[in-house]
Amino acid sequence: MSPQTATQIVTDHGIDIKAIRQELGITQAELAQLVGFSLRAIQSCEQGWRHPGPALEKLVLLLLMAHRNGGSTPSFRCWEVKECDLEHCRQCITYRTGQGHLCWFLSGTLCGDGTNSEWEQKRTTCIKCKLFRMLLGDHNGN
């Protein structure tokens, strides 16, 4: 199965857990074990009976990014890619903790229109972000 683009696997409404799991080449049971959720939770999310919560969505995306980047941590830093000014950086938890490749994962970042503390809001901001798409393997960020 060929990798899907960021906008195919992540939308304003959620992520396609089944497509990600299939790209990783693992079973539902293996995914459940990797992310610490029950097999039933994974099955329910894939069947559309249950909406995956923020923790599950973030963990599955983290696995996908690691897979697509050969298991290594990308050297991208959000403040460099987005060319944030120093004053903005000093106020952002991502910059202060040096986690520019995990800006999408962390709550309380200053991307977009302000502080992103809720995953649903953050996911909507991130899907439009060049860095997020780069982290998902589209190195042009398109």
C-alpha atoms as a PDB file:
ATOM      1  CA  MET A   1       0.000   0.000   0.000  1.00  0.00           C
ATOM      2  CA  SER A   2       1.465   3.359  -0.981  1.00  0.00           C
ATOM      3  CA  PRO A   3       1.663   6.115   1.638  1.00  0.00           C
ATOM      4  CA  GLN A   4      -1.280   8.476   1.724  1.00  0.00           C
ATOM      5  CA  THR A   5      -0.829  12.216   1.945  1.00  0.00           C
ATOM      6  CA  ALA A   6      -1.411  14.140   5.164  1.00  0.00           C
ATOM      7  CA  THR A   7      -4.782  15.403   3.975  1.00  0.00           C
ATOM      8  CA  GLN A   8      -5.882  11.858   3.133  1.00  0.00           C
ATOM      9  CA  ILE A   9      -5.127  10.440   6.577  1.00  0.00           C
ATOM     10  CA  VAL A  10      -5.806  13.518   8.723  1.00  0.00           C
ATOM     11  CA  THR A  11      -8.885  15.693   8.415  1.00  0.00           C
ATOM     12  CA  ASP A  12     -10.611  18.253  10.585  1.00  0.00           C
ATOM     13  CA  HIS A  13     -12.756  15.354  11.842  1.00  0.00           C
ATOM     14  CA  GLY A  14     -10.074  12.808  12.712  1.00  0.00           C
ATOM     15  CA  ILE A  15      -7.497  10.403  11.376  1.00  0.00           C
ATOM     16  CA  ASP A  16      -7.829   7.234   9.334  1.00  0.00           C
ATOM     17  CA  ILE A  17      -6.481   4.711  11.817  1.00  0.00           C
ATOM     18  CA  LYS A  18      -7.075   1.750   9.514  1.00  0.00           C
ATOM     19  CA  ALA A  19      -5.091   3.298   6.638  1.00  0.00           C
ATOM     20  CA  ILE A  20      -2.217   4.123   8.973  1.00  0.00           C
ATOM     21  CA  ARG A  21      -2.230   0.639  10.508  1.00  0.00           C
ATOM     22  CA  GLN A  22      -2.210  -0.939   7.058  1.00  0.00           C
ATOM     23  CA  GLU A  23       0.688   1.267   5.949  1.00  0.00           C
ATOM     24  CA  LEU A  24       2.595   0.202   9.065  1.00  0.00           C
ATOM     25  CA  GLY A  25       1.920  -3.417   8.061  1.00  0.00           C
ATOM     26  CA  ILE A  26       0.618  -4.473  11.471  1.00  0.00           C
ATOM     27  CA  THR A  27      -2.520  -6.149  12.764  1.00  0.00           C
ATOM     28  CA  GLN A  28      -5.163  -4.529  14.914  1.00  0.00           C
ATOM     29  CA  ALA A  29      -3.858  -6.534  17.868  1.00  0.00           C
ATOM     30  CA  GLU A  30      -0.307  -5.329  17.275  1.00  0.00           C
ATOM     31  CA  LEU A  31      -1.435  -1.706  17.028  1.00  0.00           C
ATOM     32  CA  ALA A  32      -3.452  -2.066  20.227  1.00  0.00           C
ATOM     33  CA  GLN A  33      -0.398  -3.425  22.025  1.00  0.00           C
ATOM     34  CA  LEU A  34       1.908  -0.687  20.661  1.00  0.00           C
ATOM     35  CA  VAL A  35      -0.319   2.193  21.754  1.00  0.00           C
ATOM     36  CA  GLY A  36      -1.669   0.659  24.967  1.00  0.00           C
ATOM     37  CA  PHE A  37      -5.313   0.515  23.937  1.00  0.00           C
ATOM     38  CA  SER A  38      -7.605  -2.484  23.843  1.00  0.00           C
ATOM     39  CA  LEU A  39      -8.091  -4.475  20.660  1.00  0.00           C
ATOM     40  CA  ARG A  40     -11.792  -3.687  20.911  1.00  0.00           C
ATOM     41  CA  ALA A  41     -11.046   0.066  20.952  1.00  0.00           C
ATOM     42  CA  ILE A  42      -8.972  -0.225  17.770  1.00  0.00           C
ATOM     43  CA  GLN A  43     -11.636  -2.348  16.072  1.00  0.00           C
ATOM     44  CA  SER A  44     -14.397   0.070  17.097  1.00  0.00           C
ATOM     45  CA  CYS A  45     -12.485   3.063  15.745  1.00  0.00           C
ATOM     46  CA  GLU A  46     -11.726   1.356  12.449  1.00  0.00           C
ATOM     47  CA  GLN A  47     -15.368   0.338  12.017  1.00  0.00           C
ATOM     48  CA  GLY A  48     -16.564   3.871  12.791  1.00  0.00           C
ATOM     49  CA  TRP A  49     -18.496   2.815  15.883  1.00  0.00           C
ATOM     50  CA  ARG A  50     -16.253   4.913  18.086  1.00  0.00           C
ATOM     51  CA  HIS A  51     -14.293   8.106  17.506  1.00  0.00           C
ATOM     52  CA  PRO A  52     -10.647   7.764  18.542  1.00  0.00           C
ATOM     53  CA  GLY A  53      -9.735  10.192  21.295  1.00  0.00           C
ATOM     54  CA  PRO A  54      -6.799  12.600  21.183  1.00  0.00           C
ATOM     55  CA  ALA A  55      -4.360  10.213  22.870  1.00  0.00           C
ATOM     56  CA  LEU A  56      -4.987   7.423  20.368  1.00  0.00           C
ATOM     57  CA  GLU A  57      -4.837   9.760  17.369  1.00  0.00           C
ATOM     58  CA  LYS A  58      -1.552  11.315  18.516  1.00  0.00           C
ATOM     59  CA  LEU A  59       0.090   7.964  19.265  1.00  0.00           C
ATOM     60  CA  VAL A  60      -0.899   6.496  15.900  1.00  0.00           C
ATOM     61  CA  LEU A  61       0.406   9.604  14.101  1.00  0.00           C
ATOM     62  CA  LEU A  62       3.662   9.379  16.054  1.00  0.00           C
ATOM     63  CA  LEU A  63       4.088   5.764  14.920  1.00  0.00           C
ATOM     64  CA  LEU A  64       3.390   6.757  11.316  1.00  0.00           C
ATOM     65  CA  MET A  65       5.893   9.615  11.398  1.00  0.00           C
ATOM     66  CA  ALA A  66       8.569   7.363  12.885  1.00  0.00           C
ATOM     67  CA  HIS A  67       7.820   4.737  10.229  1.00  0.00           C
ATOM     68  CA  ARG A  68       7.983   7.232   7.370  1.00  0.00           C
ATOM     69  CA  ASN A  69      11.199   8.770   8.688  1.00  0.00           C
ATOM     70  CA  GLY A  70      12.996   5.456   9.053  1.00  0.00           C
ATOM     71  CA  GLY A  71      12.717   5.446  12.826  1.00  0.00           C
ATOM     72  CA  SER A  72      14.812   8.564  13.227  1.00  0.00           C
ATOM     73  CA  THR A  73      13.741  11.863  14.701  1.00  0.00           C
ATOM     74  CA  PRO A  74      13.382  14.466  11.964  1.00  0.00           C
ATOM     75  CA  SER A  75      15.595  17.508  12.340  1.00  0.00           C
ATOM     76  CA  PHE A  76      12.788  19.896  11.391  1.00  0.00           C
ATOM     77  CA  ARG A  77      12.056  22.632  13.912  1.00  0.00           C
ATOM     78  CA  CYS A  78       8.700  24.355  13.643  1.00  0.00           C
ATOM     79  CA  TRP A  79       9.999  27.815  14.499  1.00  0.00           C
ATOM     80  CA  GLU A  80      12.557  27.591  11.676  1.00  0.00           C
ATOM     81  CA  VAL A  81      10.141  26.237   9.074  1.00  0.00           C
ATOM     82  CA  LYS A  82       7.469  28.770  10.009  1.00  0.00           C
ATOM     83  CA  GLU A  83      10.034  31.562  10.483  1.00  0.00           C
ATOM     84  CA  CYS A  84       8.602  32.634  13.843  1.00  0.00           C
ATOM     85  CA  ASP A  85      10.014  35.780  15.388  1.00  0.00           C
ATOM     86  CA  LEU A  86      12.054  35.449  18.582  1.00  0.00           C
ATOM     87  CA  GLU A  87       9.432  37.065  20.832  1.00  0.00           C
ATOM     88  CA  HIS A  88       6.812  34.597  19.607  1.00  0.00           C
ATOM     89  CA  CYS A  89       9.251  31.724  20.155  1.00  0.00           C
ATOM     90  CA  ARG A  90       9.990  32.744  23.726  1.00  0.00           C
ATOM     91  CA  GLN A  91       6.291  32.464  24.567  1.00  0.00           C
ATOM     92  CA  CYS A  92       5.816  29.039  22.955  1.00  0.00           C
ATOM     93  CA  ILE A  93       6.282  25.839  24.948  1.00  0.00           C
ATOM     94  CA  THR A  94       7.596  24.037  21.881  1.00  0.00           C
ATOM     95  CA  TYR A  95      10.525  26.433  21.496  1.00  0.00           C
ATOM     96  CA  ARG A  96      11.228  26.643  25.219  1.00  0.00           C
ATOM     97  CA  THR A  97      11.470  22.843  25.474  1.00  0.00           C
ATOM     98  CA  GLY A  98      13.355  22.399  22.180  1.00  0.00           C
ATOM     99  CA  GLN A  99      10.703  20.082  20.733  1.00  0.00           C
ATOM    100  CA  GLY A 100      10.185  21.672  17.318  1.00  0.00           C
ATOM    101  CA  HIS A 101       9.534  18.306  15.690  1.00  0.00           C
ATOM    102  CA  LEU A 102       6.773  17.585  18.228  1.00  0.00           C
ATOM    103  CA  CYS A 103       4.876  20.858  17.981  1.00  0.00           C
ATOM    104  CA  TRP A 104       1.878  18.983  16.561  1.00  0.00           C
ATOM    105  CA  PHE A 105       1.926  16.542  19.510  1.00  0.00           C
ATOM    106  CA  LEU A 106       2.208  19.070  22.350  1.00  0.00           C
ATOM    107  CA  SER A 107      -0.682  21.040  23.800  1.00  0.00           C
ATOM    108  CA  GLY A 108      -0.336  24.732  24.550  1.00  0.00           C
ATOM    109  CA  THR A 109       1.642  25.711  21.461  1.00  0.00           C
ATOM    110  CA  LEU A 110       1.186  29.107  19.808  1.00  0.00           C
ATOM    111  CA  CYS A 111       0.530  28.044  16.216  1.00  0.00           C
ATOM    112  CA  GLY A 112      -2.134  29.603  14.067  1.00  0.00           C
ATOM    113  CA  ASP A 113      -4.468  32.044  15.769  1.00  0.00           C
ATOM    114  CA  GLY A 114      -3.268  31.515  19.326  1.00  0.00           C
ATOM    115  CA  THR A 115      -2.772  28.860  21.964  1.00  0.00           C
ATOM    116  CA  ASN A 116      -3.804  25.403  20.811  1.00  0.00           C
ATOM    117  CA  SER A 117      -4.769  23.471  23.906  1.00  0.00           C
ATOM    118  CA  GLU A 118      -7.487  21.177  22.549  1.00  0.00           C
ATOM    119  CA  TRP A 119      -6.480  18.431  20.095  1.00  0.00           C
ATOM    120  CA  GLU A 120      -9.479  18.924  17.813  1.00  0.00           C
ATOM    121  CA  GLN A 121      -8.520  22.598  17.311  1.00  0.00           C
ATOM    122  CA  LYS A 122      -4.847  21.735  16.975  1.00  0.00           C
ATOM    123  CA  ARG A 123      -5.500  18.970  14.429  1.00  0.00           C
ATOM    124  CA  THR A 124      -7.341  21.489  12.231  1.00  0.00           C
ATOM    125  CA  THR A 125      -4.402  23.903  12.465  1.00  0.00           C
ATOM    126  CA  CYS A 126      -1.779  21.209  11.896  1.00  0.00           C
ATOM    127  CA  ILE A 127      -3.328  19.720   8.751  1.00  0.00           C
ATOM    128  CA  LYS A 128      -2.761  23.091   7.072  1.00  0.00           C
ATOM    129  CA  CYS A 129       0.831  23.359   8.334  1.00  0.00           C
ATOM    130  CA  LYS A 130       3.817  22.852   6.049  1.00  0.00           C
ATOM    131  CA  LEU A 131       5.894  21.344   8.877  1.00  0.00           C
ATOM    132  CA  PHE A 132       3.236  18.773   9.780  1.00  0.00           C
ATOM    133  CA  ARG A 133       3.059  17.615   6.167  1.00  0.00           C
ATOM    134  CA  MET A 134       6.857  17.442   6.054  1.00  0.00           C
ATOM    135  CA  LEU A 135       6.864  15.282   9.198  1.00  0.00           C
ATOM    136  CA  LEU A 136       4.394  12.947   7.496  1.00  0.00           C
ATOM    137  CA  GLY A 137       6.887  12.429   4.700  1.00  0.00           C
ATOM    138  CA  ASP A 138       5.935  15.118   2.192  1.00  0.00           C
ATOM    139  CA  HIS A 139       9.285  16.854   2.240  1.00  0.00           C
ATOM    140  CA  ASN A 140       8.027  19.620  -0.010  1.00  0.00           C
ATOM    141  CA  GLY A 141       5.308  20.403   2.548  1.00  0.00           C
ATOM    142  CA  ASN A 142       2.657  20.570  -0.182  1.00  0.00           C
END
